[in-house]
Structure formats: structure tokens, C-alpha cells
Amino acid sequence: MNQNLNDRKKRERRIQRAYGALVCVLATAAMMTVPALAADDPLAVVNSLSDFIFSLIRAVGLILLGYGILQVGLSLQSHDPSQRSNGILTIAGGIVITFTKEILTLITGG
């Protein structure tokens, strides 16, 4: 009698686990389905993707710019010339990265 009860509980647990796994798989599949929204003009899609990528690059450049300013400020406080030069180089790199799109537009003449 006790053995049948244990077998039944094990079977119920196995069924619950299988049901939970099935629900998780179906929920994941439902969340990963993304409709393909195509634009009429493929060039517009490429331009919007380009704008998005350049905005991400600009964000990274601004973060580097802020970090470089922080480094220079801390170097002035601690009188550390190597940290100051690293901060100035980081600021210069941040400026170049921030204005990458404009620099490329000037170079290509577009």
C-alpha cells in the first residue's frame, strides 16, 4: 500500500516537472517570435541601422570623455603626472569617438 502511494507521488512529480518544462519551452518560444516588419525602402533600413550604431558609438565616446575628465581631476588632486597624461589621452579619444560620424562625413565628403 505504501509502495503504491510512493510510486503515485513519484509519477505525479514527474508529470508536474514535464508539464513545467513544456510550459517553459512554449513560453520561451512565444517570447522569441518576433514579427518581421520590413520597410518599403531597404536604404531607409540601412540608414536607420547606421544611425543606431553611430548613436551607440557616441554614447561610448561620451562615457570615455567623462572618465577622462574624472581622471584629469583626480590627477590634479593627487599631483600624479602619469594619471594626468592618461586622462588627457582618454579625453582626446573620447572626443574622437564621440564625433566619429561627423569625422567620417568630412573625410568622405558626403
N, C-alpha and C. Protein backbone atom coordinates (compact mmCIF):
# COMPACT_ATOMS: atom_id res chain seq x y z
N MET A 1 0.82 -1.19 0.00
CA MET A 1 0.00 0.00 0.00
C MET A 1 0.87 1.26 0.00
N ASN A 2 1.87 1.26 0.86
CA ASN A 2 2.76 2.40 0.97
C ASN A 2 3.60 2.55 -0.31
N GLN A 3 3.96 1.41 -0.90
CA GLN A 3 4.73 1.43 -2.15
C GLN A 3 3.93 2.06 -3.28
N ASN A 4 2.64 1.75 -3.37
CA ASN A 4 1.79 2.33 -4.41
C ASN A 4 1.66 3.84 -4.24
N LEU A 5 1.59 4.28 -2.99
CA LEU A 5 1.49 5.71 -2.71
C LEU A 5 2.76 6.44 -3.13
N ASN A 6 3.93 5.82 -2.84
CA ASN A 6 5.21 6.43 -3.25
C ASN A 6 5.34 6.46 -4.77
N ASP A 7 4.95 5.37 -5.43
CA ASP A 7 5.00 5.34 -6.89
C ASP A 7 4.09 6.40 -7.51
N ARG A 8 2.93 6.56 -6.91
CA ARG A 8 1.98 7.57 -7.40
C ARG A 8 2.55 8.98 -7.24
N LYS A 9 3.17 9.25 -6.08
CA LYS A 9 3.76 10.58 -5.85
C LYS A 9 4.92 10.84 -6.81
N LYS A 10 5.72 9.79 -7.05
CA LYS A 10 6.83 9.97 -8.00
C LYS A 10 6.31 10.26 -9.40
N ARG A 11 5.27 9.52 -9.79
CA ARG A 11 4.69 9.73 -11.11
C ARG A 11 4.09 11.12 -11.22
N GLU A 12 3.41 11.58 -10.16
CA GLU A 12 2.82 12.93 -10.18
C GLU A 12 3.92 13.99 -10.26
N ARG A 13 5.00 13.78 -9.51
CA ARG A 13 6.11 14.73 -9.56
C ARG A 13 6.73 14.76 -10.96
N ARG A 14 6.89 13.59 -11.58
CA ARG A 14 7.45 13.52 -12.92
C ARG A 14 6.53 14.22 -13.93
N ILE A 15 5.23 14.02 -13.78
CA ILE A 15 4.28 14.68 -14.67
C ILE A 15 4.31 16.19 -14.47
N GLN A 16 4.41 16.64 -13.21
CA GLN A 16 4.47 18.08 -12.93
C GLN A 16 5.74 18.69 -13.53
N ARG A 17 6.86 17.99 -13.40
CA ARG A 17 8.11 18.50 -13.97
C ARG A 17 8.03 18.57 -15.49
N ALA A 18 7.48 17.52 -16.10
CA ALA A 18 7.34 17.52 -17.55
C ALA A 18 6.41 18.64 -18.00
N TYR A 19 5.32 18.85 -17.29
CA TYR A 19 4.39 19.93 -17.61
C TYR A 19 5.06 21.29 -17.45
N GLY A 20 5.82 21.47 -16.37
CA GLY A 20 6.53 22.73 -16.16
C GLY A 20 7.56 23.00 -17.24
N ALA A 21 8.29 21.94 -17.64
CA ALA A 21 9.28 22.11 -18.71
C ALA A 21 8.59 22.46 -20.03
N LEU A 22 7.46 21.80 -20.30
CA LEU A 22 6.71 22.08 -21.53
C LEU A 22 6.21 23.52 -21.54
N VAL A 23 5.69 23.99 -20.40
CA VAL A 23 5.21 25.37 -20.30
C VAL A 23 6.37 26.35 -20.51
N CYS A 24 7.52 26.06 -19.91
CA CYS A 24 8.69 26.95 -20.08
C CYS A 24 9.14 27.00 -21.54
N VAL A 25 9.18 25.85 -22.20
CA VAL A 25 9.60 25.82 -23.60
C VAL A 25 8.61 26.59 -24.47
N LEU A 26 7.32 26.38 -24.24
CA LEU A 26 6.32 27.10 -25.04
C LEU A 26 6.34 28.59 -24.77
N ALA A 27 6.53 28.98 -23.51
CA ALA A 27 6.60 30.41 -23.19
C ALA A 27 7.83 31.05 -23.82
N THR A 28 8.95 30.33 -23.78
CA THR A 28 10.17 30.85 -24.41
C THR A 28 9.99 30.98 -25.92
N ALA A 29 9.38 29.98 -26.53
CA ALA A 29 9.14 30.05 -27.96
C ALA A 29 8.20 31.19 -28.31
N ALA A 30 7.19 31.42 -27.47
CA ALA A 30 6.25 32.51 -27.73
C ALA A 30 6.92 33.87 -27.59
N MET A 31 7.85 33.98 -26.62
CA MET A 31 8.53 35.25 -26.42
C MET A 31 9.55 35.54 -27.51
N MET A 32 10.10 34.50 -28.11
CA MET A 32 11.14 34.70 -29.11
C MET A 32 10.59 34.94 -30.51
N THR A 33 9.31 34.78 -30.70
CA THR A 33 8.74 35.05 -32.01
C THR A 33 8.61 36.56 -32.18
N VAL A 34 9.28 37.06 -33.18
CA VAL A 34 9.27 38.48 -33.45
C VAL A 34 8.79 38.67 -34.88
N PRO A 35 7.78 39.49 -35.08
CA PRO A 35 7.33 39.71 -36.45
C PRO A 35 8.37 40.51 -37.24
N ALA A 36 8.51 40.17 -38.48
CA ALA A 36 9.45 40.88 -39.34
C ALA A 36 8.72 42.07 -39.95
N LEU A 37 9.09 43.24 -39.50
CA LEU A 37 8.47 44.46 -40.02
C LEU A 37 9.43 45.07 -41.04
N ALA A 38 9.17 44.81 -42.28
CA ALA A 38 10.05 45.29 -43.34
C ALA A 38 9.56 46.65 -43.83
N ALA A 39 10.51 47.50 -44.11
CA ALA A 39 10.17 48.81 -44.65
C ALA A 39 10.08 48.71 -46.17
N ASP A 40 9.46 49.71 -46.76
CA ASP A 40 9.34 49.72 -48.21
C ASP A 40 10.69 49.96 -48.87
N ASP A 41 11.48 50.81 -48.25
CA ASP A 41 12.76 51.18 -48.84
C ASP A 41 13.89 50.51 -48.06
N PRO A 42 14.66 49.63 -48.68
CA PRO A 42 15.74 48.97 -47.95
C PRO A 42 16.84 49.94 -47.54
N LEU A 43 17.01 51.03 -48.28
CA LEU A 43 18.02 52.01 -47.93
C LEU A 43 17.66 52.72 -46.62
N ALA A 44 16.36 52.90 -46.38
CA ALA A 44 15.93 53.53 -45.12
C ALA A 44 16.27 52.64 -43.93
N VAL A 45 16.15 51.32 -44.12
CA VAL A 45 16.50 50.39 -43.05
C VAL A 45 17.98 50.47 -42.74
N VAL A 46 18.81 50.51 -43.77
CA VAL A 46 20.25 50.60 -43.58
C VAL A 46 20.62 51.92 -42.91
N ASN A 47 19.98 53.01 -43.32
CA ASN A 47 20.26 54.31 -42.72
C ASN A 47 19.85 54.35 -41.25
N SER A 48 18.71 53.75 -40.93
CA SER A 48 18.28 53.77 -39.52
C SER A 48 19.20 52.90 -38.67
N LEU A 49 19.67 51.77 -39.23
CA LEU A 49 20.62 50.93 -38.51
C LEU A 49 21.94 51.67 -38.32
N SER A 50 22.36 52.38 -39.35
CA SER A 50 23.59 53.17 -39.25
C SER A 50 23.47 54.25 -38.18
N ASP A 51 22.33 54.93 -38.15
CA ASP A 51 22.11 55.95 -37.12
C ASP A 51 22.12 55.34 -35.72
N PHE A 52 21.52 54.15 -35.58
CA PHE A 52 21.50 53.48 -34.27
C PHE A 52 22.92 53.12 -33.83
N ILE A 53 23.71 52.56 -34.75
CA ILE A 53 25.07 52.17 -34.40
C ILE A 53 25.91 53.39 -34.05
N PHE A 54 25.77 54.47 -34.81
CA PHE A 54 26.53 55.67 -34.50
C PHE A 54 26.08 56.30 -33.18
N SER A 55 24.81 56.16 -32.81
CA SER A 55 24.38 56.67 -31.50
C SER A 55 24.98 55.85 -30.37
N LEU A 56 25.13 54.53 -30.59
CA LEU A 56 25.81 53.71 -29.58
C LEU A 56 27.28 54.10 -29.46
N ILE A 57 27.93 54.33 -30.60
CA ILE A 57 29.33 54.74 -30.59
C ILE A 57 29.48 56.09 -29.89
N ARG A 58 28.54 57.00 -30.15
CA ARG A 58 28.57 58.31 -29.49
C ARG A 58 28.43 58.18 -27.98
N ALA A 59 27.57 57.25 -27.53
CA ALA A 59 27.39 57.03 -26.09
C ALA A 59 28.68 56.52 -25.46
N VAL A 60 29.36 55.60 -26.14
CA VAL A 60 30.64 55.10 -25.62
C VAL A 60 31.66 56.23 -25.57
N GLY A 61 31.69 57.07 -26.59
CA GLY A 61 32.61 58.21 -26.59
C GLY A 61 32.34 59.18 -25.47
N LEU A 62 31.07 59.44 -25.18
CA LEU A 62 30.74 60.34 -24.08
C LEU A 62 31.13 59.75 -22.73
N ILE A 63 30.98 58.44 -22.59
CA ILE A 63 31.40 57.79 -21.35
C ILE A 63 32.91 57.90 -21.19
N LEU A 64 33.66 57.67 -22.26
CA LEU A 64 35.12 57.83 -22.19
C LEU A 64 35.51 59.27 -21.90
N LEU A 65 34.79 60.20 -22.49
CA LEU A 65 35.07 61.62 -22.24
C LEU A 65 34.88 61.96 -20.77
N GLY A 66 33.79 61.50 -20.19
CA GLY A 66 33.55 61.74 -18.77
C GLY A 66 34.58 61.08 -17.89
N TYR A 67 34.98 59.84 -18.25
CA TYR A 67 36.01 59.14 -17.48
C TYR A 67 37.35 59.87 -17.57
N GLY A 68 37.68 60.40 -18.75
CA GLY A 68 38.93 61.14 -18.90
C GLY A 68 38.93 62.41 -18.08
N ILE A 69 37.80 63.12 -18.04
CA ILE A 69 37.71 64.33 -17.22
C ILE A 69 37.86 63.98 -15.74
N LEU A 70 37.27 62.86 -15.33
CA LEU A 70 37.41 62.40 -13.95
C LEU A 70 38.86 62.08 -13.64
N GLN A 71 39.57 61.43 -14.57
CA GLN A 71 40.97 61.09 -14.36
C GLN A 71 41.84 62.34 -14.23
N VAL A 72 41.59 63.32 -15.08
CA VAL A 72 42.38 64.55 -15.00
C VAL A 72 42.11 65.26 -13.68
N GLY A 73 40.86 65.29 -13.28
CA GLY A 73 40.53 65.92 -11.99
C GLY A 73 41.20 65.23 -10.82
N LEU A 74 41.19 63.91 -10.82
CA LEU A 74 41.84 63.19 -9.73
C LEU A 74 43.35 63.34 -9.78
N SER A 75 43.92 63.45 -10.99
CA SER A 75 45.37 63.63 -11.08
C SER A 75 45.79 65.02 -10.58
N LEU A 76 44.95 66.01 -10.80
CA LEU A 76 45.26 67.35 -10.28
C LEU A 76 45.21 67.36 -8.76
N GLN A 77 44.31 66.55 -8.20
CA GLN A 77 44.19 66.49 -6.75
C GLN A 77 45.37 65.74 -6.12
N SER A 78 45.83 64.67 -6.79
CA SER A 78 46.90 63.85 -6.20
C SER A 78 48.29 64.18 -6.76
N HIS A 79 48.37 65.13 -7.66
CA HIS A 79 49.65 65.55 -8.28
C HIS A 79 50.35 64.38 -8.93
N ASP A 80 49.61 63.63 -9.75
CA ASP A 80 50.16 62.46 -10.44
C ASP A 80 50.23 62.75 -11.93
N PRO A 81 51.44 63.02 -12.46
CA PRO A 81 51.55 63.39 -13.87
C PRO A 81 51.21 62.26 -14.85
N SER A 82 51.47 61.01 -14.49
CA SER A 82 51.15 59.92 -15.42
C SER A 82 49.64 59.74 -15.53
N GLN A 83 48.94 59.91 -14.43
CA GLN A 83 47.48 59.81 -14.48
C GLN A 83 46.90 60.98 -15.27
N ARG A 84 47.54 62.15 -15.16
CA ARG A 84 47.08 63.31 -15.92
C ARG A 84 47.23 63.09 -17.42
N SER A 85 48.38 62.53 -17.82
CA SER A 85 48.57 62.28 -19.25
C SER A 85 47.61 61.20 -19.75
N ASN A 86 47.35 60.17 -18.94
CA ASN A 86 46.36 59.17 -19.32
C ASN A 86 44.97 59.77 -19.43
N GLY A 87 44.63 60.69 -18.53
CA GLY A 87 43.34 61.36 -18.58
C GLY A 87 43.19 62.21 -19.83
N ILE A 88 44.25 62.93 -20.18
CA ILE A 88 44.20 63.78 -21.38
C ILE A 88 44.06 62.92 -22.63
N LEU A 89 44.79 61.79 -22.68
CA LEU A 89 44.65 60.88 -23.82
C LEU A 89 43.25 60.28 -23.89
N THR A 90 42.66 59.98 -22.74
CA THR A 90 41.30 59.44 -22.71
C THR A 90 40.30 60.49 -23.17
N ILE A 91 40.51 61.73 -22.78
CA ILE A 91 39.64 62.81 -23.24
C ILE A 91 39.73 62.96 -24.77
N ALA A 92 40.97 62.92 -25.28
CA ALA A 92 41.15 63.05 -26.73
C ALA A 92 40.48 61.88 -27.46
N GLY A 93 40.65 60.67 -26.95
CA GLY A 93 39.99 59.52 -27.56
C GLY A 93 38.48 59.61 -27.47
N GLY A 94 37.97 60.09 -26.35
CA GLY A 94 36.53 60.26 -26.20
C GLY A 94 35.96 61.27 -27.17
N ILE A 95 36.71 62.35 -27.41
CA ILE A 95 36.26 63.36 -28.38
C ILE A 95 36.23 62.77 -29.78
N VAL A 96 37.28 62.03 -30.13
CA VAL A 96 37.32 61.42 -31.47
C VAL A 96 36.19 60.42 -31.65
N ILE A 97 35.95 59.58 -30.63
CA ILE A 97 34.89 58.57 -30.72
C ILE A 97 33.51 59.24 -30.75
N THR A 98 33.34 60.30 -29.96
CA THR A 98 32.04 60.98 -29.91
C THR A 98 31.69 61.57 -31.27
N PHE A 99 32.65 62.14 -31.95
CA PHE A 99 32.37 62.80 -33.21
C PHE A 99 32.80 61.95 -34.42
N THR A 100 32.72 60.62 -34.29
CA THR A 100 33.11 59.72 -35.38
C THR A 100 32.28 59.94 -36.63
N LYS A 101 30.98 60.07 -36.47
CA LYS A 101 30.11 60.23 -37.64
C LYS A 101 30.44 61.51 -38.40
N GLU A 102 30.64 62.59 -37.67
CA GLU A 102 30.96 63.86 -38.32
C GLU A 102 32.32 63.80 -39.00
N ILE A 103 33.28 63.13 -38.36
CA ILE A 103 34.61 63.00 -38.95
C ILE A 103 34.56 62.17 -40.23
N LEU A 104 33.79 61.07 -40.19
CA LEU A 104 33.66 60.26 -41.41
C LEU A 104 32.94 61.02 -42.51
N THR A 105 31.96 61.84 -42.16
CA THR A 105 31.26 62.64 -43.16
C THR A 105 32.20 63.66 -43.78
N LEU A 106 33.08 64.27 -42.98
CA LEU A 106 34.06 65.22 -43.52
C LEU A 106 35.06 64.52 -44.42
N ILE A 107 35.50 63.32 -44.04
CA ILE A 107 36.50 62.62 -44.84
C ILE A 107 35.93 62.18 -46.17
N THR A 108 34.72 61.60 -46.13
CA THR A 108 34.13 61.08 -47.37
C THR A 108 33.49 62.16 -48.23
N GLY A 109 33.28 63.33 -47.66
CA GLY A 109 32.69 64.43 -48.42
C GLY A 109 31.21 64.27 -48.65
N GLY A 110 30.55 63.44 -47.87
CA GLY A 110 29.11 63.22 -48.05
C GLY A 110 28.37 63.96 -47.06
